[in-house]
Amino acid sequence: MADSTARTVKDVNPHEFVKAYSAHLKRSGKMELPEWVDIVKTARFKELPPYDADWYYTRAASIARKIYLRQGIGVGGFQKIYGGRQRNGSRPPHFCKSSGAISRNILQQLQKMGIIDVDPKG
């Protein structure tokens, strides 16, 4: 018991945590996938839906991690976090937000599972 330090989400590599937690969410079976999960784009600047079949669980794990690190973040904050560059051909690129429906749906499911709570401040 020489080196038994407590580990938090901040101590773990983000990629490894999201990968492990998304696998846990998939195994638990508590999160129900919407019927549109295989055809929806994640943002308006994307051309195709995600290639990974389990992208919804990965996004849910990432959202849960980001809420742990930064409490009080909402759907608009996640739209900015997961947003990106919209390429406009010969015109200059501009920043574009991601889809709010995906983040909102994941937040509602995480709340129903008891993983997150509504912030009393709003």
PDB file of N, CA and C in Angstrom:
ATOM      1  N   MET A   1       0.822  -1.180   0.000  1.00  0.00           N
ATOM      2  CA  MET A   1       0.000   0.000   0.000  1.00  0.00           C
ATOM      3  C   MET A   1       0.866   1.243   0.000  1.00  0.00           C
ATOM      4  N   ALA A   2       1.984   1.150  -0.648  1.00  0.00           N
ATOM      5  CA  ALA A   2       2.928   2.253  -0.650  1.00  0.00           C
ATOM      6  C   ALA A   2       2.480   3.392  -1.557  1.00  0.00           C
ATOM      7  N   ASP A   3       1.851   3.070  -2.689  1.00  0.00           N
ATOM      8  CA  ASP A   3       1.530   4.112  -3.657  1.00  0.00           C
ATOM      9  C   ASP A   3       0.044   4.071  -4.014  1.00  0.00           C
ATOM     10  N   SER A   4      -0.823   4.165  -3.006  1.00  0.00           N
ATOM     11  CA  SER A   4      -2.263   4.098  -3.256  1.00  0.00           C
ATOM     12  C   SER A   4      -2.863   5.506  -3.212  1.00  0.00           C
ATOM     13  N   THR A   5      -2.780   6.203  -4.327  1.00  0.00           N
ATOM     14  CA  THR A   5      -3.363   7.530  -4.405  1.00  0.00           C
ATOM     15  C   THR A   5      -4.730   7.440  -5.067  1.00  0.00           C
ATOM     16  N   ALA A   6      -5.598   8.324  -4.674  1.00  0.00           N
ATOM     17  CA  ALA A   6      -6.937   8.353  -5.256  1.00  0.00           C
ATOM     18  C   ALA A   6      -6.869   8.914  -6.672  1.00  0.00           C
ATOM     19  N   ARG A   7      -7.675   8.374  -7.545  1.00  0.00           N
ATOM     20  CA  ARG A   7      -7.719   8.823  -8.936  1.00  0.00           C
ATOM     21  C   ARG A   7      -9.045   9.533  -9.193  1.00  0.00           C
ATOM     22  N   THR A   8      -8.982  10.624  -9.912  1.00  0.00           N
ATOM     23  CA  THR A   8     -10.183  11.321 -10.352  1.00  0.00           C
ATOM     24  C   THR A   8     -10.164  11.378 -11.873  1.00  0.00           C
ATOM     25  N   VAL A   9     -11.195  11.963 -12.440  1.00  0.00           N
ATOM     26  CA  VAL A   9     -11.272  12.087 -13.895  1.00  0.00           C
ATOM     27  C   VAL A   9     -10.136  12.955 -14.419  1.00  0.00           C
ATOM     28  N   LYS A  10      -9.699  13.912 -13.616  1.00  0.00           N
ATOM     29  CA  LYS A  10      -8.620  14.805 -14.048  1.00  0.00           C
ATOM     30  C   LYS A  10      -7.273  14.084 -14.126  1.00  0.00           C
ATOM     31  N   ASP A  11      -7.113  12.987 -13.384  1.00  0.00           N
ATOM     32  CA  ASP A  11      -5.847  12.259 -13.373  1.00  0.00           C
ATOM     33  C   ASP A  11      -5.707  11.279 -14.533  1.00  0.00           C
ATOM     34  N   VAL A  12      -6.815  10.928 -15.166  1.00  0.00           N
ATOM     35  CA  VAL A  12      -6.813   9.901 -16.204  1.00  0.00           C
ATOM     36  C   VAL A  12      -6.715  10.560 -17.574  1.00  0.00           C
ATOM     37  N   ASN A  13      -6.066   9.875 -18.498  1.00  0.00           N
ATOM     38  CA  ASN A  13      -5.984  10.348 -19.873  1.00  0.00           C
ATOM     39  C   ASN A  13      -7.402  10.486 -20.439  1.00  0.00           C
ATOM     40  N   PRO A  14      -7.759  11.640 -21.035  1.00  0.00           N
ATOM     41  CA  PRO A  14      -9.132  11.834 -21.521  1.00  0.00           C
ATOM     42  C   PRO A  14      -9.564  10.804 -22.559  1.00  0.00           C
ATOM     43  N   HIS A  15      -8.678  10.435 -23.456  1.00  0.00           N
ATOM     44  CA  HIS A  15      -9.033   9.475 -24.497  1.00  0.00           C
ATOM     45  C   HIS A  15      -9.367   8.113 -23.891  1.00  0.00           C
ATOM     46  N   GLU A  16      -8.553   7.673 -22.939  1.00  0.00           N
ATOM     47  CA  GLU A  16      -8.792   6.376 -22.303  1.00  0.00           C
ATOM     48  C   GLU A  16     -10.073   6.385 -21.476  1.00  0.00           C
ATOM     49  N   PHE A  17     -10.329   7.511 -20.779  1.00  0.00           N
ATOM     50  CA  PHE A  17     -11.539   7.593 -19.965  1.00  0.00           C
ATOM     51  C   PHE A  17     -12.789   7.544 -20.834  1.00  0.00           C
ATOM     52  N   VAL A  18     -12.815   8.331 -21.897  1.00  0.00           N
ATOM     53  CA  VAL A  18     -13.994   8.369 -22.767  1.00  0.00           C
ATOM     54  C   VAL A  18     -14.217   7.015 -23.422  1.00  0.00           C
ATOM     55  N   LYS A  19     -13.145   6.367 -23.818  1.00  0.00           N
ATOM     56  CA  LYS A  19     -13.260   5.049 -24.445  1.00  0.00           C
ATOM     57  C   LYS A  19     -13.829   4.024 -23.458  1.00  0.00           C
ATOM     58  N   ALA A  20     -13.326   4.023 -22.229  1.00  0.00           N
ATOM     59  CA  ALA A  20     -13.790   3.062 -21.228  1.00  0.00           C
ATOM     60  C   ALA A  20     -15.216   3.369 -20.774  1.00  0.00           C
ATOM     61  N   TYR A  21     -15.526   4.645 -20.592  1.00  0.00           N
ATOM     62  CA  TYR A  21     -16.860   5.007 -20.110  1.00  0.00           C
ATOM     63  C   TYR A  21     -17.919   4.789 -21.186  1.00  0.00           C
ATOM     64  N   SER A  22     -17.564   5.011 -22.444  1.00  0.00           N
ATOM     65  CA  SER A  22     -18.525   4.739 -23.515  1.00  0.00           C
ATOM     66  C   SER A  22     -18.805   3.237 -23.613  1.00  0.00           C
ATOM     67  N   ALA A  23     -17.784   2.413 -23.400  1.00  0.00           N
ATOM     68  CA  ALA A  23     -18.001   0.962 -23.385  1.00  0.00           C
ATOM     69  C   ALA A  23     -18.896   0.565 -22.211  1.00  0.00           C
ATOM     70  N   HIS A  24     -18.716   1.232 -21.071  1.00  0.00           N
ATOM     71  CA  HIS A  24     -19.565   0.960 -19.907  1.00  0.00           C
ATOM     72  C   HIS A  24     -21.018   1.351 -20.185  1.00  0.00           C
ATOM     73  N   LEU A  25     -21.219   2.511 -20.815  1.00  0.00           N
ATOM     74  CA  LEU A  25     -22.582   2.946 -21.139  1.00  0.00           C
ATOM     75  C   LEU A  25     -23.253   1.974 -22.104  1.00  0.00           C
ATOM     76  N   LYS A  26     -22.486   1.461 -23.046  1.00  0.00           N
ATOM     77  CA  LYS A  26     -23.047   0.520 -24.011  1.00  0.00           C
ATOM     78  C   LYS A  26     -23.392  -0.808 -23.333  1.00  0.00           C
ATOM     79  N   ARG A  27     -22.498  -1.288 -22.452  1.00  0.00           N
ATOM     80  CA  ARG A  27     -22.733  -2.558 -21.749  1.00  0.00           C
ATOM     81  C   ARG A  27     -23.916  -2.476 -20.793  1.00  0.00           C
ATOM     82  N   SER A  28     -24.079  -1.327 -20.144  1.00  0.00           N
ATOM     83  CA  SER A  28     -25.132  -1.220 -19.132  1.00  0.00           C
ATOM     84  C   SER A  28     -26.526  -1.315 -19.741  1.00  0.00           C
ATOM     85  N   GLY A  29     -26.702  -0.837 -20.962  1.00  0.00           N
ATOM     86  CA  GLY A  29     -27.995  -0.933 -21.627  1.00  0.00           C
ATOM     87  C   GLY A  29     -29.034   0.048 -21.122  1.00  0.00           C
ATOM     88  N   LYS A  30     -28.654   0.974 -20.266  1.00  0.00           N
ATOM     89  CA  LYS A  30     -29.603   1.947 -19.732  1.00  0.00           C
ATOM     90  C   LYS A  30     -29.859   3.098 -20.699  1.00  0.00           C
ATOM     91  N   MET A  31     -28.913   3.351 -21.580  1.00  0.00           N
ATOM     92  CA  MET A  31     -29.062   4.451 -22.527  1.00  0.00           C
ATOM     93  C   MET A  31     -29.725   3.922 -23.793  1.00  0.00           C
ATOM     94  N   GLU A  32     -30.843   4.512 -24.142  1.00  0.00           N
ATOM     95  CA  GLU A  32     -31.557   4.079 -25.340  1.00  0.00           C
ATOM     96  C   GLU A  32     -31.193   4.995 -26.503  1.00  0.00           C
ATOM     97  N   LEU A  33     -30.905   4.391 -27.625  1.00  0.00           N
ATOM     98  CA  LEU A  33     -30.516   5.153 -28.804  1.00  0.00           C
ATOM     99  C   LEU A  33     -31.757   5.661 -29.531  1.00  0.00           C
ATOM    100  N   PRO A  34     -31.737   6.907 -29.996  1.00  0.00           N
ATOM    101  CA  PRO A  34     -32.852   7.394 -30.809  1.00  0.00           C
ATOM    102  C   PRO A  34     -32.875   6.689 -32.161  1.00  0.00           C
ATOM    103  N   GLU A  35     -34.021   6.723 -32.824  1.00  0.00           N
ATOM    104  CA  GLU A  35     -34.126   6.031 -34.110  1.00  0.00           C
ATOM    105  C   GLU A  35     -33.333   6.727 -35.208  1.00  0.00           C
ATOM    106  N   TRP A  36     -32.998   7.992 -35.013  1.00  0.00           N
ATOM    107  CA  TRP A  36     -32.274   8.749 -36.031  1.00  0.00           C
ATOM    108  C   TRP A  36     -30.763   8.688 -35.867  1.00  0.00           C
ATOM    109  N   VAL A  37     -30.258   7.872 -34.978  1.00  0.00           N
ATOM    110  CA  VAL A  37     -28.837   7.893 -34.644  1.00  0.00           C
ATOM    111  C   VAL A  37     -27.937   7.459 -35.807  1.00  0.00           C
ATOM    112  N   ASP A  38     -28.432   6.646 -36.718  1.00  0.00           N
ATOM    113  CA  ASP A  38     -27.573   6.162 -37.805  1.00  0.00           C
ATOM    114  C   ASP A  38     -27.617   7.046 -39.050  1.00  0.00           C
ATOM    115  N   ILE A  39     -28.523   8.020 -39.110  1.00  0.00           N
ATOM    116  CA  ILE A  39     -28.616   8.853 -40.311  1.00  0.00           C
ATOM    117  C   ILE A  39     -28.319  10.325 -40.060  1.00  0.00           C
ATOM    118  N   VAL A  40     -28.205  10.736 -38.804  1.00  0.00           N
ATOM    119  CA  VAL A  40     -28.065  12.155 -38.496  1.00  0.00           C
ATOM    120  C   VAL A  40     -26.611  12.608 -38.628  1.00  0.00           C
ATOM    121  N   LYS A  41     -26.434  13.851 -39.096  1.00  0.00           N
ATOM    122  CA  LYS A  41     -25.115  14.477 -39.077  1.00  0.00           C
ATOM    123  C   LYS A  41     -24.940  15.136 -37.709  1.00  0.00           C
ATOM    124  N   THR A  42     -23.713  15.241 -37.240  1.00  0.00           N
ATOM    125  CA  THR A  42     -23.488  15.822 -35.924  1.00  0.00           C
ATOM    126  C   THR A  42     -23.406  17.340 -35.958  1.00  0.00           C
ATOM    127  N   ALA A  43     -23.283  17.919 -37.137  1.00  0.00           N
ATOM    128  CA  ALA A  43     -23.243  19.374 -37.282  1.00  0.00           C
ATOM    129  C   ALA A  43     -23.615  19.729 -38.710  1.00  0.00           C
ATOM    130  N   ARG A  44     -23.992  20.981 -38.914  1.00  0.00           N
ATOM    131  CA  ARG A  44     -24.420  21.356 -40.257  1.00  0.00           C
ATOM    132  C   ARG A  44     -23.248  21.488 -41.218  1.00  0.00           C
ATOM    133  N   PHE A  45     -22.041  21.642 -40.705  1.00  0.00           N
ATOM    134  CA  PHE A  45     -20.878  21.743 -41.582  1.00  0.00           C
ATOM    135  C   PHE A  45     -20.326  20.373 -41.978  1.00  0.00           C
ATOM    136  N   LYS A  46     -20.873  19.310 -41.424  1.00  0.00           N
ATOM    137  CA  LYS A  46     -20.451  17.957 -41.799  1.00  0.00           C
ATOM    138  C   LYS A  46     -21.165  17.529 -43.075  1.00  0.00           C
ATOM    139  N   GLU A  47     -20.520  16.652 -43.825  1.00  0.00           N
ATOM    140  CA  GLU A  47     -21.134  16.154 -45.048  1.00  0.00           C
ATOM    141  C   GLU A  47     -21.800  14.795 -44.853  1.00  0.00           C
ATOM    142  N   LEU A  48     -21.273  13.985 -43.930  1.00  0.00           N
ATOM    143  CA  LEU A  48     -21.777  12.631 -43.719  1.00  0.00           C
ATOM    144  C   LEU A  48     -21.991  12.369 -42.229  1.00  0.00           C
ATOM    145  N   PRO A  49     -22.810  11.377 -41.895  1.00  0.00           N
ATOM    146  CA  PRO A  49     -22.906  10.975 -40.488  1.00  0.00           C
ATOM    147  C   PRO A  49     -21.613  10.296 -40.037  1.00  0.00           C
ATOM    148  N   PRO A  50     -21.409  10.123 -38.733  1.00  0.00           N
ATOM    149  CA  PRO A  50     -20.177   9.486 -38.248  1.00  0.00           C
ATOM    150  C   PRO A  50     -20.029   8.056 -38.755  1.00  0.00           C
ATOM    151  N   TYR A  51     -18.779   7.650 -38.983  1.00  0.00           N
ATOM    152  CA  TYR A  51     -18.495   6.295 -39.451  1.00  0.00           C
ATOM    153  C   TYR A  51     -18.623   5.269 -38.332  1.00  0.00           C
ATOM    154  N   ASP A  52     -18.298   5.663 -37.105  1.00  0.00           N
ATOM    155  CA  ASP A  52     -18.340   4.748 -35.969  1.00  0.00           C
ATOM    156  C   ASP A  52     -19.792   4.459 -35.586  1.00  0.00           C
ATOM    157  N   ALA A  53     -20.142   3.209 -35.467  1.00  0.00           N
ATOM    158  CA  ALA A  53     -21.516   2.842 -35.112  1.00  0.00           C
ATOM    159  C   ALA A  53     -21.839   3.208 -33.662  1.00  0.00           C
ATOM    160  N   ASP A  54     -20.827   3.303 -32.811  1.00  0.00           N
ATOM    161  CA  ASP A  54     -21.032   3.610 -31.394  1.00  0.00           C
ATOM    162  C   ASP A  54     -20.718   5.067 -31.072  1.00  0.00           C
ATOM    163  N   TRP A  55     -20.855   5.958 -32.032  1.00  0.00           N
ATOM    164  CA  TRP A  55     -20.492   7.355 -31.821  1.00  0.00           C
ATOM    165  C   TRP A  55     -21.371   8.010 -30.760  1.00  0.00           C
ATOM    166  N   TYR A  56     -22.604   7.565 -30.624  1.00  0.00           N
ATOM    167  CA  TYR A  56     -23.527   8.168 -29.660  1.00  0.00           C
ATOM    168  C   TYR A  56     -23.045   7.930 -28.227  1.00  0.00           C
ATOM    169  N   TYR A  57     -22.557   6.731 -27.948  1.00  0.00           N
ATOM    170  CA  TYR A  57     -22.024   6.425 -26.618  1.00  0.00           C
ATOM    171  C   TYR A  57     -20.741   7.210 -26.352  1.00  0.00           C
ATOM    172  N   THR A  58     -19.921   7.374 -27.382  1.00  0.00           N
ATOM    173  CA  THR A  58     -18.686   8.141 -27.233  1.00  0.00           C
ATOM    174  C   THR A  58     -18.997   9.597 -26.921  1.00  0.00           C
ATOM    175  N   ARG A  59     -19.970  10.176 -27.617  1.00  0.00           N
ATOM    176  CA  ARG A  59     -20.355  11.563 -27.361  1.00  0.00           C
ATOM    177  C   ARG A  59     -20.952  11.704 -25.971  1.00  0.00           C
ATOM    178  N   ALA A  60     -21.735  10.727 -25.525  1.00  0.00           N
ATOM    179  CA  ALA A  60     -22.319  10.772 -24.184  1.00  0.00           C
ATOM    180  C   ALA A  60     -21.234  10.708 -23.108  1.00  0.00           C
ATOM    181  N   ALA A  61     -20.234   9.869 -23.306  1.00  0.00           N
ATOM    182  CA  ALA A  61     -19.133   9.780 -22.341  1.00  0.00           C
ATOM    183  C   ALA A  61     -18.333  11.071 -22.318  1.00  0.00           C
ATOM    184  N   SER A  62     -18.125  11.659 -23.473  1.00  0.00           N
ATOM    185  CA  SER A  62     -17.395  12.921 -23.551  1.00  0.00           C
ATOM    186  C   SER A  62     -18.170  14.043 -22.869  1.00  0.00           C
ATOM    187  N   ILE A  63     -19.479  14.076 -23.067  1.00  0.00           N
ATOM    188  CA  ILE A  63     -20.309  15.100 -22.427  1.00  0.00           C
ATOM    189  C   ILE A  63     -20.295  14.917 -20.910  1.00  0.00           C
ATOM    190  N   ALA A  64     -20.386  13.685 -20.431  1.00  0.00           N
ATOM    191  CA  ALA A  64     -20.356  13.435 -18.987  1.00  0.00           C
ATOM    192  C   ALA A  64     -19.023  13.883 -18.391  1.00  0.00           C
ATOM    193  N   ARG A  65     -17.924  13.640 -19.093  1.00  0.00           N
ATOM    194  CA  ARG A  65     -16.608  14.070 -18.617  1.00  0.00           C
ATOM    195  C   ARG A  65     -16.510  15.585 -18.572  1.00  0.00           C
ATOM    196  N   LYS A  66     -16.999  16.248 -19.601  1.00  0.00           N
ATOM    197  CA  LYS A  66     -16.914  17.708 -19.652  1.00  0.00           C
ATOM    198  C   LYS A  66     -17.796  18.356 -18.592  1.00  0.00           C
ATOM    199  N   ILE A  67     -18.928  17.746 -18.265  1.00  0.00           N
ATOM    200  CA  ILE A  67     -19.776  18.280 -17.193  1.00  0.00           C
ATOM    201  C   ILE A  67     -19.083  18.116 -15.845  1.00  0.00           C
ATOM    202  N   TYR A  68     -18.371  17.012 -15.659  1.00  0.00           N
ATOM    203  CA  TYR A  68     -17.628  16.814 -14.414  1.00  0.00           C
ATOM    204  C   TYR A  68     -16.546  17.881 -14.263  1.00  0.00           C
ATOM    205  N   LEU A  69     -15.863  18.201 -15.350  1.00  0.00           N
ATOM    206  CA  LEU A  69     -14.773  19.166 -15.287  1.00  0.00           C
ATOM    207  C   LEU A  69     -15.268  20.604 -15.217  1.00  0.00           C
ATOM    208  N   ARG A  70     -16.412  20.885 -15.823  1.00  0.00           N
ATOM    209  CA  ARG A  70     -16.905  22.259 -15.899  1.00  0.00           C
ATOM    210  C   ARG A  70     -18.412  22.260 -15.636  1.00  0.00           C
ATOM    211  N   GLN A  71     -18.793  22.365 -14.366  1.00  0.00           N
ATOM    212  CA  GLN A  71     -20.200  22.320 -14.001  1.00  0.00           C
ATOM    213  C   GLN A  71     -20.917  23.560 -14.538  1.00  0.00           C
ATOM    214  N   GLY A  72     -22.198  23.406 -14.819  1.00  0.00           N
ATOM    215  CA  GLY A  72     -23.004  24.528 -15.273  1.00  0.00           C
ATOM    216  C   GLY A  72     -23.016  24.722 -16.775  1.00  0.00           C
ATOM    217  N   ILE A  73     -22.363  23.863 -17.505  1.00  0.00           N
ATOM    218  CA  ILE A  73     -22.336  23.994 -18.959  1.00  0.00           C
ATOM    219  C   ILE A  73     -23.653  23.455 -19.517  1.00  0.00           C
ATOM    220  N   GLY A  74     -24.131  24.074 -20.580  1.00  0.00           N
ATOM    221  CA  GLY A  74     -25.414  23.687 -21.150  1.00  0.00           C
ATOM    222  C   GLY A  74     -25.300  23.288 -22.605  1.00  0.00           C
ATOM    223  N   VAL A  75     -26.442  23.252 -23.271  1.00  0.00           N
ATOM    224  CA  VAL A  75     -26.493  22.826 -24.664  1.00  0.00           C
ATOM    225  C   VAL A  75     -25.712  23.788 -25.550  1.00  0.00           C
ATOM    226  N   GLY A  76     -25.836  25.084 -25.307  1.00  0.00           N
ATOM    227  CA  GLY A  76     -25.102  26.065 -26.107  1.00  0.00           C
ATOM    228  C   GLY A  76     -23.595  25.920 -25.968  1.00  0.00           C
ATOM    229  N   GLY A  77     -23.141  25.600 -24.773  1.00  0.00           N
ATOM    230  CA  GLY A  77     -21.714  25.372 -24.573  1.00  0.00           C
ATOM    231  C   GLY A  77     -21.219  24.160 -25.331  1.00  0.00           C
ATOM    232  N   PHE A  78     -22.023  23.105 -25.346  1.00  0.00           N
ATOM    233  CA  PHE A  78     -21.629  21.908 -26.093  1.00  0.00           C
ATOM    234  C   PHE A  78     -21.681  22.144 -27.597  1.00  0.00           C
ATOM    235  N   GLN A  79     -22.568  23.019 -28.054  1.00  0.00           N
ATOM    236  CA  GLN A  79     -22.583  23.357 -29.472  1.00  0.00           C
ATOM    237  C   GLN A  79     -21.273  24.028 -29.871  1.00  0.00           C
ATOM    238  N   LYS A  80     -20.736  24.859 -28.989  1.00  0.00           N
ATOM    239  CA  LYS A  80     -19.464  25.526 -29.288  1.00  0.00           C
ATOM    240  C   LYS A  80     -18.292  24.553 -29.187  1.00  0.00           C
ATOM    241  N   ILE A  81     -18.323  23.666 -28.186  1.00  0.00           N
ATOM    242  CA  ILE A  81     -17.225  22.715 -27.993  1.00  0.00           C
ATOM    243  C   ILE A  81     -17.107  21.770 -29.178  1.00  0.00           C
ATOM    244  N   TYR A  82     -18.237  21.239 -29.639  1.00  0.00           N
ATOM    245  CA  TYR A  82     -18.217  20.261 -30.724  1.00  0.00           C
ATOM    246  C   TYR A  82     -18.378  20.905 -32.099  1.00  0.00           C
ATOM    247  N   GLY A  83     -18.375  22.221 -32.157  1.00  0.00           N
ATOM    248  CA  GLY A  83     -18.448  22.919 -33.436  1.00  0.00           C
ATOM    249  C   GLY A  83     -17.121  22.846 -34.165  1.00  0.00           C
ATOM    250  N   GLY A  84     -17.100  23.404 -35.356  1.00  0.00           N
ATOM    251  CA  GLY A  84     -15.876  23.357 -36.144  1.00  0.00           C
ATOM    252  C   GLY A  84     -15.932  24.307 -37.318  1.00  0.00           C
ATOM    253  N   ARG A  85     -15.042  24.102 -38.244  1.00  0.00           N
ATOM    254  CA  ARG A  85     -14.892  25.003 -39.375  1.00  0.00           C
ATOM    255  C   ARG A  85     -15.801  24.577 -40.518  1.00  0.00           C
ATOM    256  N   GLN A  86     -16.598  25.523 -40.994  1.00  0.00           N
ATOM    257  CA  GLN A  86     -17.401  25.266 -42.179  1.00  0.00           C
ATOM    258  C   GLN A  86     -16.619  25.751 -43.390  1.00  0.00           C
ATOM    259  N   ARG A  87     -16.337  24.832 -44.274  1.00  0.00           N
ATOM    260  CA  ARG A  87     -15.569  25.160 -45.473  1.00  0.00           C
ATOM    261  C   ARG A  87     -16.533  25.612 -46.560  1.00  0.00           C
ATOM    262  N   ASN A  88     -16.292  26.791 -47.091  1.00  0.00           N
ATOM    263  CA  ASN A  88     -17.215  27.411 -48.028  1.00  0.00           C
ATOM    264  C   ASN A  88     -16.668  27.468 -49.441  1.00  0.00           C
ATOM    265  N   GLY A  89     -15.875  26.522 -49.826  1.00  0.00           N
ATOM    266  CA  GLY A  89     -15.322  26.534 -51.183  1.00  0.00           C
ATOM    267  C   GLY A  89     -14.269  27.613 -51.333  1.00  0.00           C
ATOM    268  N   SER A  90     -14.475  28.515 -52.273  1.00  0.00           N
ATOM    269  CA  SER A  90     -13.489  29.570 -52.506  1.00  0.00           C
ATOM    270  C   SER A  90     -13.642  30.723 -51.522  1.00  0.00           C
ATOM    271  N   ARG A  91     -14.751  30.764 -50.811  1.00  0.00           N
ATOM    272  CA  ARG A  91     -14.943  31.802 -49.798  1.00  0.00           C
ATOM    273  C   ARG A  91     -14.221  31.408 -48.513  1.00  0.00           C
ATOM    274  N   PRO A  92     -13.948  32.353 -47.623  1.00  0.00           N
ATOM    275  CA  PRO A  92     -13.232  32.020 -46.387  1.00  0.00           C
ATOM    276  C   PRO A  92     -14.062  31.118 -45.465  1.00  0.00           C
ATOM    277  N   PRO A  93     -13.400  30.222 -44.731  1.00  0.00           N
ATOM    278  CA  PRO A  93     -14.134  29.367 -43.786  1.00  0.00           C
ATOM    279  C   PRO A  93     -14.563  30.161 -42.554  1.00  0.00           C
ATOM    280  N   HIS A  94     -15.621  29.689 -41.900  1.00  0.00           N
ATOM    281  CA  HIS A  94     -16.128  30.322 -40.692  1.00  0.00           C
ATOM    282  C   HIS A  94     -16.474  29.245 -39.673  1.00  0.00           C
ATOM    283  N   PHE A  95     -16.467  29.631 -38.407  1.00  0.00           N
ATOM    284  CA  PHE A  95     -16.839  28.703 -37.345  1.00  0.00           C
ATOM    285  C   PHE A  95     -18.336  28.456 -37.394  1.00  0.00           C
ATOM    286  N   CYS A  96     -18.717  27.220 -37.138  1.00  0.00           N
ATOM    287  CA  CYS A  96     -20.128  26.836 -37.150  1.00  0.00           C
ATOM    288  C   CYS A  96     -20.380  25.926 -35.947  1.00  0.00           C
ATOM    289  N   LYS A  97     -21.493  26.139 -35.269  1.00  0.00           N
ATOM    290  CA  LYS A  97     -21.834  25.322 -34.107  1.00  0.00           C
ATOM    291  C   LYS A  97     -22.302  23.935 -34.531  1.00  0.00           C
ATOM    292  N   SER A  98     -22.226  23.006 -33.592  1.00  0.00           N
ATOM    293  CA  SER A  98     -22.714  21.649 -33.862  1.00  0.00           C
ATOM    294  C   SER A  98     -24.213  21.579 -33.568  1.00  0.00           C
ATOM    295  N   SER A  99     -24.781  20.415 -33.754  1.00  0.00           N
ATOM    296  CA  SER A  99     -26.212  20.215 -33.544  1.00  0.00           C
ATOM    297  C   SER A  99     -26.547  20.283 -32.057  1.00  0.00           C
ATOM    298  N   GLY A 100     -27.590  21.013 -31.729  1.00  0.00           N
ATOM    299  CA  GLY A 100     -28.023  21.110 -30.346  1.00  0.00           C
ATOM    300  C   GLY A 100     -28.922  19.958 -29.927  1.00  0.00           C
ATOM    301  N   ALA A 101     -29.598  19.341 -30.893  1.00  0.00           N
ATOM    302  CA  ALA A 101     -30.526  18.255 -30.571  1.00  0.00           C
ATOM    303  C   ALA A 101     -29.794  17.043 -30.014  1.00  0.00           C
ATOM    304  N   ILE A 102     -28.619  16.762 -30.548  1.00  0.00           N
ATOM    305  CA  ILE A 102     -27.851  15.609 -30.071  1.00  0.00           C
ATOM    306  C   ILE A 102     -27.412  15.837 -28.627  1.00  0.00           C
ATOM    307  N   SER A 103     -26.853  17.007 -28.348  1.00  0.00           N
ATOM    308  CA  SER A 103     -26.405  17.314 -26.990  1.00  0.00           C
ATOM    309  C   SER A 103     -27.580  17.332 -26.023  1.00  0.00           C
ATOM    310  N   ARG A 104     -28.687  17.921 -26.439  1.00  0.00           N
ATOM    311  CA  ARG A 104     -29.868  17.994 -25.584  1.00  0.00           C
ATOM    312  C   ARG A 104     -30.404  16.596 -25.270  1.00  0.00           C
ATOM    313  N   ASN A 105     -30.459  15.740 -26.267  1.00  0.00           N
ATOM    314  CA  ASN A 105     -30.953  14.382 -26.072  1.00  0.00           C
ATOM    315  C   ASN A 105     -30.041  13.602 -25.130  1.00  0.00           C
ATOM    316  N   ILE A 106     -28.740  13.742 -25.298  1.00  0.00           N
ATOM    317  CA  ILE A 106     -27.794  13.041 -24.420  1.00  0.00           C
ATOM    318  C   ILE A 106     -27.891  13.569 -22.995  1.00  0.00           C
ATOM    319  N   LEU A 107     -28.006  14.889 -22.830  1.00  0.00           N
ATOM    320  CA  LEU A 107     -28.143  15.453 -21.488  1.00  0.00           C
ATOM    321  C   LEU A 107     -29.411  14.948 -20.805  1.00  0.00           C
ATOM    322  N   GLN A 108     -30.506  14.856 -21.540  1.00  0.00           N
ATOM    323  CA  GLN A 108     -31.752  14.349 -20.960  1.00  0.00           C
ATOM    324  C   GLN A 108     -31.614  12.887 -20.546  1.00  0.00           C
ATOM    325  N   GLN A 109     -30.920  12.097 -21.357  1.00  0.00           N
ATOM    326  CA  GLN A 109     -30.746  10.688 -21.005  1.00  0.00           C
ATOM    327  C   GLN A 109     -29.808  10.517 -19.815  1.00  0.00           C
ATOM    328  N   LEU A 110     -28.735  11.309 -19.753  1.00  0.00           N
ATOM    329  CA  LEU A 110     -27.828  11.231 -18.607  1.00  0.00           C
ATOM    330  C   LEU A 110     -28.538  11.661 -17.329  1.00  0.00           C
ATOM    331  N   GLN A 111     -29.435  12.629 -17.443  1.00  0.00           N
ATOM    332  CA  GLN A 111     -30.206  13.060 -16.283  1.00  0.00           C
ATOM    333  C   GLN A 111     -31.186  11.973 -15.853  1.00  0.00           C
ATOM    334  N   LYS A 112     -31.806  11.305 -16.807  1.00  0.00           N
ATOM    335  CA  LYS A 112     -32.747  10.230 -16.489  1.00  0.00           C
ATOM    336  C   LYS A 112     -32.024   9.058 -15.827  1.00  0.00           C
ATOM    337  N   MET A 113     -30.763   8.820 -16.222  1.00  0.00           N
ATOM    338  CA  MET A 113     -29.981   7.735 -15.634  1.00  0.00           C
ATOM    339  C   MET A 113     -29.455   8.091 -14.249  1.00  0.00           C
ATOM    340  N   GLY A 114     -29.501   9.374 -13.871  1.00  0.00           N
ATOM    341  CA  GLY A 114     -29.023   9.803 -12.567  1.00  0.00           C
ATOM    342  C   GLY A 114     -27.546  10.140 -12.536  1.00  0.00           C
ATOM    343  N   ILE A 115     -26.922  10.287 -13.695  1.00  0.00           N
ATOM    344  CA  ILE A 115     -25.496  10.605 -13.751  1.00  0.00           C
ATOM    345  C   ILE A 115     -25.267  12.092 -13.531  1.00  0.00           C
ATOM    346  N   ILE A 116     -26.157  12.925 -14.069  1.00  0.00           N
ATOM    347  CA  ILE A 116     -26.036  14.370 -13.899  1.00  0.00           C
ATOM    348  C   ILE A 116     -27.327  14.906 -13.307  1.00  0.00           C
ATOM    349  N   ASP A 117     -27.255  16.110 -12.740  1.00  0.00           N
ATOM    350  CA  ASP A 117     -28.421  16.799 -12.197  1.00  0.00           C
ATOM    351  C   ASP A 117     -28.546  18.157 -12.865  1.00  0.00           C
ATOM    352  N   VAL A 118     -29.731  18.740 -12.754  1.00  0.00           N
ATOM    353  CA  VAL A 118     -29.955  20.077 -13.285  1.00  0.00           C
ATOM    354  C   VAL A 118     -29.290  21.075 -12.348  1.00  0.00           C
ATOM    355  N   ASP A 119     -28.610  22.049 -12.921  1.00  0.00           N
ATOM    356  CA  ASP A 119     -27.954  23.083 -12.135  1.00  0.00           C
ATOM    357  C   ASP A 119     -29.019  23.986 -11.509  1.00  0.00           C
ATOM    358  N   PRO A 120     -28.964  24.238 -10.196  1.00  0.00           N
ATOM    359  CA  PRO A 120     -29.992  25.088  -9.579  1.00  0.00           C
ATOM    360  C   PRO A 120     -29.943  26.535 -10.066  1.00  0.00           C
ATOM    361  N   LYS A 121     -28.812  26.960 -10.610  1.00  0.00           N
ATOM    362  CA  LYS A 121     -28.701  28.335 -11.111  1.00  0.00           C
ATOM    363  C   LYS A 121     -29.353  28.512 -12.472  1.00  0.00           C
ATOM    364  N   GLY A 122     -29.624  27.405 -13.147  1.00  0.00           N
ATOM    365  CA  GLY A 122     -30.298  27.525 -14.439  1.00  0.00           C
ATOM    366  C   GLY A 122     -29.579  26.938 -15.586  1.00  0.00           C
TER     367      GLY A 122
END
